[in-house]
């Protein structure tokens, strides 16, 4: 089970790093083009702001998912470090469980919102791009975060089971 979880996690990480990198390059390119067009050509394109905003949203969700693996998210460790080692492990498992549940709920409602936008056919103002696809980053990103928290929880449980 351990090897399978590590394989799933490493595959997810590679996919997330690829998409996060592509999105950051795309956002930098779009913003640079917008600056060039506004200040060199003297004609501002409204679509660059909108596109960079939606790319940024997607990049943030992929980056947040990677932040879970790297332990880069903010946590309240001051109080946890004061606890005995056994209670620290319980707190870590509890935090992973709560975060898994929260991200699962966020992914579910994000998908419901995506479906609602899909049915209405609402489009973005400047690009006339279907708004539902711009917000698809929410359920996808939350699902990835949920998966990472769940894997983290399962790996912690498996490690505790082997040690205890």
N, C-alpha and C. Protein backbone atom coordinates (compact mmCIF):
# COMPACT_ATOMS: atom_id res chain seq x y z
N UNK A 1 0.83 -1.20 0.00
CA UNK A 1 0.00 0.00 0.00
C UNK A 1 0.87 1.25 0.00
N UNK A 2 1.95 1.18 0.78
CA UNK A 2 2.84 2.32 0.90
C UNK A 2 3.42 2.72 -0.46
N UNK A 3 3.89 1.72 -1.21
CA UNK A 3 4.49 1.99 -2.52
C UNK A 3 3.45 2.59 -3.48
N UNK A 4 2.24 2.06 -3.43
CA UNK A 4 1.16 2.57 -4.27
C UNK A 4 0.88 4.05 -3.96
N UNK A 5 0.79 4.38 -2.66
CA UNK A 5 0.52 5.77 -2.26
C UNK A 5 1.64 6.70 -2.70
N UNK A 6 2.89 6.25 -2.56
CA UNK A 6 4.01 7.08 -3.00
C UNK A 6 4.00 7.27 -4.52
N UNK A 7 3.60 6.23 -5.25
CA UNK A 7 3.51 6.34 -6.71
C UNK A 7 2.42 7.33 -7.11
N UNK A 8 1.26 7.22 -6.47
CA UNK A 8 0.16 8.16 -6.75
C UNK A 8 0.59 9.58 -6.42
N UNK A 9 1.21 9.75 -5.25
CA UNK A 9 1.64 11.09 -4.83
C UNK A 9 2.67 11.66 -5.81
N UNK A 10 3.66 10.88 -6.20
CA UNK A 10 4.68 11.41 -7.11
C UNK A 10 4.10 11.72 -8.48
N UNK A 11 3.14 10.92 -8.93
CA UNK A 11 2.48 11.21 -10.21
C UNK A 11 1.69 12.50 -10.14
N UNK A 12 0.93 12.67 -9.05
CA UNK A 12 0.18 13.92 -8.86
C UNK A 12 1.11 15.12 -8.81
N UNK A 13 2.23 14.98 -8.11
CA UNK A 13 3.18 16.08 -7.99
C UNK A 13 3.72 16.47 -9.37
N UNK A 14 4.09 15.48 -10.18
CA UNK A 14 4.61 15.79 -11.52
C UNK A 14 3.56 16.50 -12.37
N UNK A 15 2.33 16.04 -12.32
CA UNK A 15 1.25 16.68 -13.08
C UNK A 15 1.03 18.11 -12.60
N UNK A 16 0.97 18.28 -11.28
CA UNK A 16 0.73 19.61 -10.71
C UNK A 16 1.87 20.57 -11.02
N UNK A 17 3.12 20.09 -10.91
CA UNK A 17 4.26 20.95 -11.22
C UNK A 17 4.24 21.37 -12.68
N UNK A 18 3.88 20.43 -13.56
CA UNK A 18 3.80 20.76 -14.99
C UNK A 18 2.76 21.85 -15.23
N UNK A 19 1.55 21.64 -14.72
CA UNK A 19 0.48 22.62 -14.95
C UNK A 19 0.78 23.96 -14.27
N UNK A 20 1.32 23.92 -13.06
CA UNK A 20 1.65 25.17 -12.37
C UNK A 20 2.71 25.94 -13.16
N UNK A 21 3.70 25.23 -13.69
CA UNK A 21 4.75 25.89 -14.49
C UNK A 21 4.19 26.48 -15.77
N UNK A 22 3.38 25.70 -16.47
CA UNK A 22 2.78 26.19 -17.72
C UNK A 22 1.90 27.40 -17.45
N UNK A 23 1.12 27.34 -16.38
CA UNK A 23 0.24 28.46 -16.04
C UNK A 23 1.03 29.71 -15.66
N UNK A 24 2.12 29.55 -14.93
CA UNK A 24 2.94 30.71 -14.56
C UNK A 24 3.60 31.33 -15.79
N UNK A 25 4.08 30.49 -16.70
CA UNK A 25 4.67 31.00 -17.95
C UNK A 25 3.60 31.71 -18.77
N UNK A 26 2.42 31.11 -18.87
CA UNK A 26 1.33 31.73 -19.62
C UNK A 26 0.93 33.06 -19.01
N UNK A 27 0.83 33.11 -17.68
CA UNK A 27 0.44 34.35 -17.02
C UNK A 27 1.49 35.44 -17.23
N UNK A 28 2.76 35.07 -17.12
CA UNK A 28 3.84 36.04 -17.36
C UNK A 28 3.80 36.55 -18.79
N UNK A 29 3.55 35.66 -19.73
CA UNK A 29 3.48 36.05 -21.14
C UNK A 29 2.31 36.99 -21.40
N UNK A 30 1.15 36.65 -20.87
CA UNK A 30 -0.05 37.49 -21.07
C UNK A 30 0.13 38.86 -20.44
N UNK A 31 0.66 38.90 -19.22
CA UNK A 31 0.87 40.19 -18.55
C UNK A 31 1.91 41.02 -19.29
N UNK A 32 2.99 40.38 -19.75
CA UNK A 32 4.02 41.10 -20.51
C UNK A 32 3.45 41.66 -21.80
N UNK A 33 2.63 40.87 -22.48
CA UNK A 33 1.99 41.35 -23.70
C UNK A 33 1.08 42.54 -23.39
N UNK A 34 0.32 42.45 -22.31
CA UNK A 34 -0.56 43.55 -21.93
C UNK A 34 0.20 44.82 -21.64
N UNK A 35 1.33 44.70 -20.95
CA UNK A 35 2.17 45.87 -20.66
C UNK A 35 2.74 46.44 -21.95
N UNK A 36 3.25 45.56 -22.82
CA UNK A 36 3.80 46.01 -24.10
C UNK A 36 2.74 46.74 -24.92
N UNK A 37 1.57 46.15 -25.02
CA UNK A 37 0.52 46.76 -25.82
C UNK A 37 0.06 48.10 -25.24
N UNK A 38 -0.02 48.17 -23.92
CA UNK A 38 -0.50 49.39 -23.28
C UNK A 38 0.51 50.53 -23.37
N UNK A 39 1.78 50.25 -23.13
CA UNK A 39 2.77 51.33 -23.03
C UNK A 39 3.60 51.54 -24.29
N UNK A 40 3.75 50.55 -25.13
CA UNK A 40 4.53 50.72 -26.36
C UNK A 40 3.61 51.03 -27.53
N UNK A 41 2.57 50.26 -27.71
CA UNK A 41 1.64 50.47 -28.82
C UNK A 41 0.60 51.53 -28.48
N UNK A 42 0.46 51.84 -27.20
CA UNK A 42 -0.50 52.84 -26.71
C UNK A 42 -1.95 52.41 -26.95
N UNK A 43 -2.18 51.12 -26.85
CA UNK A 43 -3.54 50.60 -26.98
C UNK A 43 -3.70 49.46 -25.98
N UNK A 44 -4.50 49.69 -24.96
CA UNK A 44 -4.67 48.67 -23.92
C UNK A 44 -5.68 47.62 -24.33
N UNK A 45 -5.30 46.38 -24.15
CA UNK A 45 -6.21 45.27 -24.44
C UNK A 45 -6.82 44.82 -23.12
N UNK A 46 -8.13 44.90 -23.02
CA UNK A 46 -8.82 44.53 -21.80
C UNK A 46 -8.78 43.04 -21.51
N UNK A 47 -8.61 42.25 -22.53
CA UNK A 47 -8.65 40.81 -22.35
C UNK A 47 -7.44 40.28 -21.60
N UNK A 48 -6.30 41.00 -21.62
CA UNK A 48 -5.11 40.50 -20.93
C UNK A 48 -5.31 40.48 -19.42
N UNK A 49 -5.97 41.50 -18.88
CA UNK A 49 -6.24 41.52 -17.44
C UNK A 49 -7.14 40.36 -17.03
N UNK A 50 -8.17 40.15 -17.81
CA UNK A 50 -9.13 39.08 -17.49
C UNK A 50 -8.48 37.71 -17.60
N UNK A 51 -7.74 37.49 -18.68
CA UNK A 51 -7.10 36.19 -18.88
C UNK A 51 -6.06 35.92 -17.79
N UNK A 52 -5.27 36.93 -17.46
CA UNK A 52 -4.25 36.73 -16.42
C UNK A 52 -4.89 36.45 -15.07
N UNK A 53 -6.04 37.04 -14.81
CA UNK A 53 -6.75 36.78 -13.55
C UNK A 53 -7.19 35.32 -13.46
N UNK A 54 -7.75 34.79 -14.53
CA UNK A 54 -8.22 33.40 -14.50
C UNK A 54 -7.05 32.41 -14.49
N UNK A 55 -5.98 32.75 -15.19
CA UNK A 55 -4.79 31.90 -15.15
C UNK A 55 -4.21 31.90 -13.74
N UNK A 56 -4.22 33.07 -13.11
CA UNK A 56 -3.71 33.21 -11.74
C UNK A 56 -4.50 32.34 -10.77
N UNK A 57 -5.81 32.32 -10.91
CA UNK A 57 -6.66 31.50 -10.04
C UNK A 57 -6.27 30.02 -10.17
N UNK A 58 -6.12 29.56 -11.40
CA UNK A 58 -5.75 28.16 -11.61
C UNK A 58 -4.35 27.87 -11.05
N UNK A 59 -3.41 28.77 -11.28
CA UNK A 59 -2.04 28.58 -10.78
C UNK A 59 -2.03 28.53 -9.25
N UNK A 60 -2.83 29.35 -8.62
CA UNK A 60 -2.90 29.37 -7.16
C UNK A 60 -3.41 28.03 -6.62
N UNK A 61 -4.42 27.47 -7.24
CA UNK A 61 -4.95 26.20 -6.75
C UNK A 61 -3.95 25.05 -6.96
N UNK A 62 -3.25 25.04 -8.09
CA UNK A 62 -2.22 24.02 -8.29
C UNK A 62 -1.07 24.23 -7.32
N UNK A 63 -0.68 25.49 -7.11
CA UNK A 63 0.39 25.79 -6.16
C UNK A 63 0.02 25.44 -4.73
N UNK A 64 -1.23 25.69 -4.36
CA UNK A 64 -1.69 25.34 -3.01
C UNK A 64 -1.63 23.84 -2.79
N UNK A 65 -1.95 23.09 -3.83
CA UNK A 65 -1.89 21.64 -3.73
C UNK A 65 -0.45 21.17 -3.53
N UNK A 66 0.47 21.78 -4.27
CA UNK A 66 1.89 21.45 -4.10
C UNK A 66 2.40 21.88 -2.73
N UNK A 67 1.85 22.96 -2.20
CA UNK A 67 2.24 23.44 -0.88
C UNK A 67 1.95 22.44 0.22
N UNK A 68 0.94 21.62 0.04
CA UNK A 68 0.62 20.59 1.03
C UNK A 68 1.74 19.57 1.11
N UNK A 69 2.22 19.14 -0.05
CA UNK A 69 3.28 18.13 -0.10
C UNK A 69 4.57 18.67 0.50
N UNK A 70 4.86 19.93 0.20
CA UNK A 70 6.12 20.53 0.66
C UNK A 70 6.02 21.08 2.08
N UNK A 71 4.84 21.03 2.68
CA UNK A 71 4.66 21.55 4.03
C UNK A 71 4.78 23.05 4.11
N UNK A 72 4.35 23.74 3.06
CA UNK A 72 4.53 25.19 2.96
C UNK A 72 3.34 25.99 3.48
N UNK A 73 2.29 25.33 3.90
CA UNK A 73 1.12 26.06 4.39
C UNK A 73 1.32 26.49 5.83
N UNK A 74 0.67 27.57 6.18
CA UNK A 74 0.76 28.11 7.53
C UNK A 74 0.09 27.15 8.51
N UNK A 75 0.73 26.94 9.62
CA UNK A 75 0.16 26.09 10.66
C UNK A 75 0.46 26.67 12.03
N UNK A 76 -0.31 26.26 13.00
CA UNK A 76 -0.10 26.72 14.38
C UNK A 76 0.69 25.63 15.10
N UNK A 77 2.00 25.66 14.93
CA UNK A 77 2.85 24.63 15.51
C UNK A 77 3.34 24.96 16.90
N UNK A 78 3.21 26.20 17.30
CA UNK A 78 3.71 26.62 18.61
C UNK A 78 3.08 25.78 19.72
N UNK A 79 1.77 25.63 19.66
CA UNK A 79 1.05 24.88 20.70
C UNK A 79 1.27 23.38 20.54
N UNK A 80 1.31 22.92 19.31
CA UNK A 80 1.48 21.48 19.06
C UNK A 80 2.84 21.01 19.55
N UNK A 81 3.88 21.82 19.36
CA UNK A 81 5.23 21.44 19.77
C UNK A 81 5.36 21.32 21.29
N UNK A 82 4.46 21.96 22.03
CA UNK A 82 4.48 21.87 23.49
C UNK A 82 3.90 20.56 24.01
N UNK A 83 3.17 19.87 23.15
CA UNK A 83 2.52 18.61 23.54
C UNK A 83 3.51 17.45 23.51
N UNK A 84 3.21 16.36 24.24
CA UNK A 84 4.04 15.16 24.14
C UNK A 84 4.01 14.59 22.72
N UNK A 85 5.03 13.83 22.37
CA UNK A 85 5.19 13.28 21.02
C UNK A 85 3.94 12.52 20.55
N UNK A 86 3.35 11.73 21.44
CA UNK A 86 2.18 10.94 21.05
C UNK A 86 0.99 11.83 20.70
N UNK A 87 0.81 12.93 21.44
CA UNK A 87 -0.28 13.86 21.14
C UNK A 87 0.01 14.69 19.88
N UNK A 88 1.28 14.94 19.60
CA UNK A 88 1.63 15.64 18.36
C UNK A 88 1.20 14.81 17.15
N UNK A 89 1.41 13.50 17.23
CA UNK A 89 0.99 12.61 16.14
C UNK A 89 -0.52 12.61 15.98
N UNK A 90 -1.23 12.62 17.11
CA UNK A 90 -2.70 12.67 17.07
C UNK A 90 -3.16 13.97 16.43
N UNK A 91 -2.53 15.08 16.81
CA UNK A 91 -2.88 16.39 16.23
C UNK A 91 -2.61 16.41 14.73
N UNK A 92 -1.50 15.81 14.29
CA UNK A 92 -1.18 15.76 12.86
C UNK A 92 -2.24 14.97 12.10
N UNK A 93 -2.64 13.83 12.65
CA UNK A 93 -3.68 13.02 11.99
C UNK A 93 -5.01 13.74 11.97
N UNK A 94 -5.34 14.39 13.09
CA UNK A 94 -6.60 15.13 13.17
C UNK A 94 -6.62 16.29 12.16
N UNK A 95 -5.50 16.99 12.05
CA UNK A 95 -5.41 18.10 11.09
C UNK A 95 -5.57 17.59 9.66
N UNK A 96 -4.91 16.48 9.34
CA UNK A 96 -5.05 15.90 8.00
C UNK A 96 -6.48 15.46 7.73
N UNK A 97 -7.12 14.89 8.73
CA UNK A 97 -8.51 14.44 8.58
C UNK A 97 -9.45 15.62 8.35
N UNK A 98 -9.30 16.67 9.14
CA UNK A 98 -10.14 17.87 8.99
C UNK A 98 -9.91 18.52 7.63
N UNK A 99 -8.64 18.63 7.23
CA UNK A 99 -8.33 19.25 5.94
C UNK A 99 -8.84 18.40 4.77
N UNK A 100 -8.76 17.08 4.90
CA UNK A 100 -9.30 16.19 3.87
C UNK A 100 -10.80 16.42 3.71
N UNK A 101 -11.50 16.46 4.83
CA UNK A 101 -12.95 16.67 4.80
C UNK A 101 -13.29 18.04 4.22
N UNK A 102 -12.57 19.07 4.66
CA UNK A 102 -12.85 20.43 4.19
C UNK A 102 -12.62 20.54 2.68
N UNK A 103 -11.50 20.01 2.21
CA UNK A 103 -11.22 20.08 0.77
C UNK A 103 -12.20 19.24 -0.03
N UNK A 104 -12.66 18.13 0.53
CA UNK A 104 -13.68 17.33 -0.13
C UNK A 104 -14.98 18.09 -0.29
N UNK A 105 -15.38 18.79 0.76
CA UNK A 105 -16.60 19.62 0.70
C UNK A 105 -16.42 20.75 -0.30
N UNK A 106 -15.25 21.40 -0.27
CA UNK A 106 -14.97 22.49 -1.22
C UNK A 106 -14.99 21.99 -2.66
N UNK A 107 -14.42 20.81 -2.90
CA UNK A 107 -14.42 20.24 -4.24
C UNK A 107 -15.84 19.94 -4.69
N UNK A 108 -16.64 19.38 -3.80
CA UNK A 108 -18.03 19.04 -4.12
C UNK A 108 -18.81 20.30 -4.49
N UNK A 109 -18.77 21.31 -3.63
CA UNK A 109 -19.54 22.53 -3.91
C UNK A 109 -18.94 23.32 -5.08
N UNK A 110 -17.63 23.22 -5.27
CA UNK A 110 -17.01 23.84 -6.45
C UNK A 110 -17.52 23.21 -7.73
N UNK A 111 -17.69 21.88 -7.70
CA UNK A 111 -18.22 21.19 -8.87
C UNK A 111 -19.69 21.53 -9.10
N UNK A 112 -20.46 21.65 -8.02
CA UNK A 112 -21.87 22.06 -8.13
C UNK A 112 -21.94 23.45 -8.76
N UNK A 113 -21.07 24.35 -8.32
CA UNK A 113 -21.03 25.70 -8.88
C UNK A 113 -20.64 25.67 -10.35
N UNK A 114 -19.67 24.82 -10.70
CA UNK A 114 -19.27 24.65 -12.10
C UNK A 114 -20.47 24.22 -12.94
N UNK A 115 -21.23 23.23 -12.46
CA UNK A 115 -22.40 22.76 -13.20
C UNK A 115 -23.45 23.84 -13.36
N UNK A 116 -23.64 24.63 -12.30
CA UNK A 116 -24.61 25.73 -12.37
C UNK A 116 -24.19 26.76 -13.43
N UNK A 117 -22.91 27.10 -13.44
CA UNK A 117 -22.41 28.05 -14.45
C UNK A 117 -22.49 27.45 -15.85
N UNK A 118 -22.24 26.14 -15.95
CA UNK A 118 -22.31 25.46 -17.23
C UNK A 118 -23.73 25.53 -17.80
N UNK A 119 -24.72 25.30 -16.94
CA UNK A 119 -26.12 25.33 -17.38
C UNK A 119 -26.57 26.72 -17.80
N UNK A 120 -26.07 27.75 -17.11
CA UNK A 120 -26.49 29.12 -17.45
C UNK A 120 -25.82 29.62 -18.72
N UNK A 121 -24.66 29.05 -19.05
CA UNK A 121 -23.96 29.50 -20.25
C UNK A 121 -23.32 30.87 -20.12
N UNK A 122 -23.12 31.32 -18.89
CA UNK A 122 -22.54 32.64 -18.64
C UNK A 122 -21.12 32.70 -19.20
N UNK A 123 -20.76 33.85 -19.79
CA UNK A 123 -19.43 34.03 -20.38
C UNK A 123 -18.71 35.19 -19.70
N UNK A 124 -17.38 35.20 -19.84
CA UNK A 124 -16.59 36.28 -19.27
C UNK A 124 -16.79 37.55 -20.09
N UNK A 125 -16.66 38.73 -19.48
CA UNK A 125 -16.95 39.98 -20.19
C UNK A 125 -16.06 40.26 -21.40
N UNK A 126 -14.76 40.18 -21.24
CA UNK A 126 -13.86 40.57 -22.33
C UNK A 126 -13.59 39.45 -23.32
N UNK A 127 -13.37 38.26 -22.83
CA UNK A 127 -13.00 37.14 -23.70
C UNK A 127 -14.20 36.41 -24.31
N UNK A 128 -15.38 36.56 -23.70
CA UNK A 128 -16.56 35.81 -24.09
C UNK A 128 -16.28 34.30 -24.01
N UNK A 129 -15.51 33.93 -23.00
CA UNK A 129 -15.13 32.55 -22.71
C UNK A 129 -16.11 32.00 -21.68
N UNK A 130 -16.57 30.75 -21.81
CA UNK A 130 -17.50 30.21 -20.81
C UNK A 130 -16.93 30.31 -19.39
N UNK A 131 -17.65 30.98 -18.52
CA UNK A 131 -17.19 31.24 -17.16
C UNK A 131 -17.02 29.96 -16.36
N UNK A 132 -17.79 28.94 -16.70
CA UNK A 132 -17.70 27.68 -15.95
C UNK A 132 -16.30 27.10 -16.01
N UNK A 133 -15.62 27.22 -17.16
CA UNK A 133 -14.28 26.65 -17.30
C UNK A 133 -13.25 27.46 -16.52
N UNK A 134 -13.49 28.75 -16.38
CA UNK A 134 -12.60 29.57 -15.58
C UNK A 134 -12.65 29.16 -14.11
N UNK A 135 -13.82 28.75 -13.65
CA UNK A 135 -14.00 28.36 -12.25
C UNK A 135 -13.78 26.86 -12.02
N UNK A 136 -13.44 26.13 -13.05
CA UNK A 136 -13.16 24.70 -12.90
C UNK A 136 -11.92 24.46 -12.05
N UNK A 137 -11.07 25.47 -11.94
CA UNK A 137 -9.86 25.35 -11.11
C UNK A 137 -10.21 25.08 -9.65
N UNK A 138 -11.35 25.55 -9.19
CA UNK A 138 -11.73 25.38 -7.78
C UNK A 138 -11.97 23.90 -7.46
N UNK A 139 -12.88 23.20 -8.14
CA UNK A 139 -13.07 21.79 -7.78
C UNK A 139 -11.85 20.91 -8.10
N UNK A 140 -11.15 21.22 -9.19
CA UNK A 140 -9.96 20.43 -9.54
C UNK A 140 -8.88 20.63 -8.48
N UNK A 141 -8.59 21.89 -8.15
CA UNK A 141 -7.57 22.18 -7.14
C UNK A 141 -7.92 21.62 -5.78
N UNK A 142 -9.16 21.77 -5.37
CA UNK A 142 -9.59 21.24 -4.07
C UNK A 142 -9.57 19.71 -4.05
N UNK A 143 -9.88 19.08 -5.18
CA UNK A 143 -9.79 17.62 -5.27
C UNK A 143 -8.34 17.16 -5.12
N UNK A 144 -7.43 17.88 -5.76
CA UNK A 144 -6.01 17.54 -5.63
C UNK A 144 -5.53 17.73 -4.19
N UNK A 145 -5.96 18.82 -3.56
CA UNK A 145 -5.58 19.05 -2.16
C UNK A 145 -6.16 17.97 -1.27
N UNK A 146 -7.41 17.60 -1.52
CA UNK A 146 -8.06 16.53 -0.76
C UNK A 146 -7.27 15.23 -0.91
N UNK A 147 -6.85 14.93 -2.12
CA UNK A 147 -6.07 13.71 -2.37
C UNK A 147 -4.75 13.74 -1.60
N UNK A 148 -4.07 14.88 -1.61
CA UNK A 148 -2.80 14.97 -0.89
C UNK A 148 -2.98 14.83 0.62
N UNK A 149 -4.01 15.47 1.15
CA UNK A 149 -4.27 15.33 2.59
C UNK A 149 -4.64 13.89 2.94
N UNK A 150 -5.43 13.25 2.08
CA UNK A 150 -5.81 11.86 2.33
C UNK A 150 -4.59 10.94 2.27
N UNK A 151 -3.74 11.13 1.28
CA UNK A 151 -2.51 10.33 1.19
C UNK A 151 -1.63 10.57 2.41
N UNK A 152 -1.52 11.82 2.80
CA UNK A 152 -0.74 12.17 3.99
C UNK A 152 -1.30 11.45 5.22
N UNK A 153 -2.61 11.44 5.34
CA UNK A 153 -3.27 10.77 6.47
C UNK A 153 -3.02 9.26 6.43
N UNK A 154 -3.17 8.67 5.26
CA UNK A 154 -2.97 7.22 5.13
C UNK A 154 -1.52 6.82 5.38
N UNK A 155 -0.59 7.63 4.89
CA UNK A 155 0.82 7.34 5.13
C UNK A 155 1.16 7.47 6.61
N UNK A 156 0.57 8.46 7.27
CA UNK A 156 0.80 8.63 8.71
C UNK A 156 0.23 7.44 9.47
N UNK A 157 -0.97 7.01 9.11
CA UNK A 157 -1.60 5.86 9.77
C UNK A 157 -0.76 4.60 9.56
N UNK A 158 -0.27 4.41 8.33
CA UNK A 158 0.50 3.22 8.03
C UNK A 158 1.83 3.22 8.78
N UNK A 159 2.47 4.39 8.86
CA UNK A 159 3.73 4.52 9.58
C UNK A 159 3.52 4.27 11.07
N UNK A 160 2.43 4.83 11.62
CA UNK A 160 2.11 4.62 13.04
C UNK A 160 1.83 3.15 13.31
N UNK A 161 1.14 2.49 12.37
CA UNK A 161 0.82 1.07 12.54
C UNK A 161 2.06 0.20 12.55
N UNK A 162 3.07 0.56 11.75
CA UNK A 162 4.30 -0.20 11.69
C UNK A 162 5.17 0.04 12.92
N UNK A 163 5.14 1.28 13.44
CA UNK A 163 5.96 1.62 14.60
C UNK A 163 5.32 1.17 15.91
N UNK A 164 3.99 1.14 15.95
CA UNK A 164 3.29 0.85 17.21
C UNK A 164 2.91 -0.55 17.27
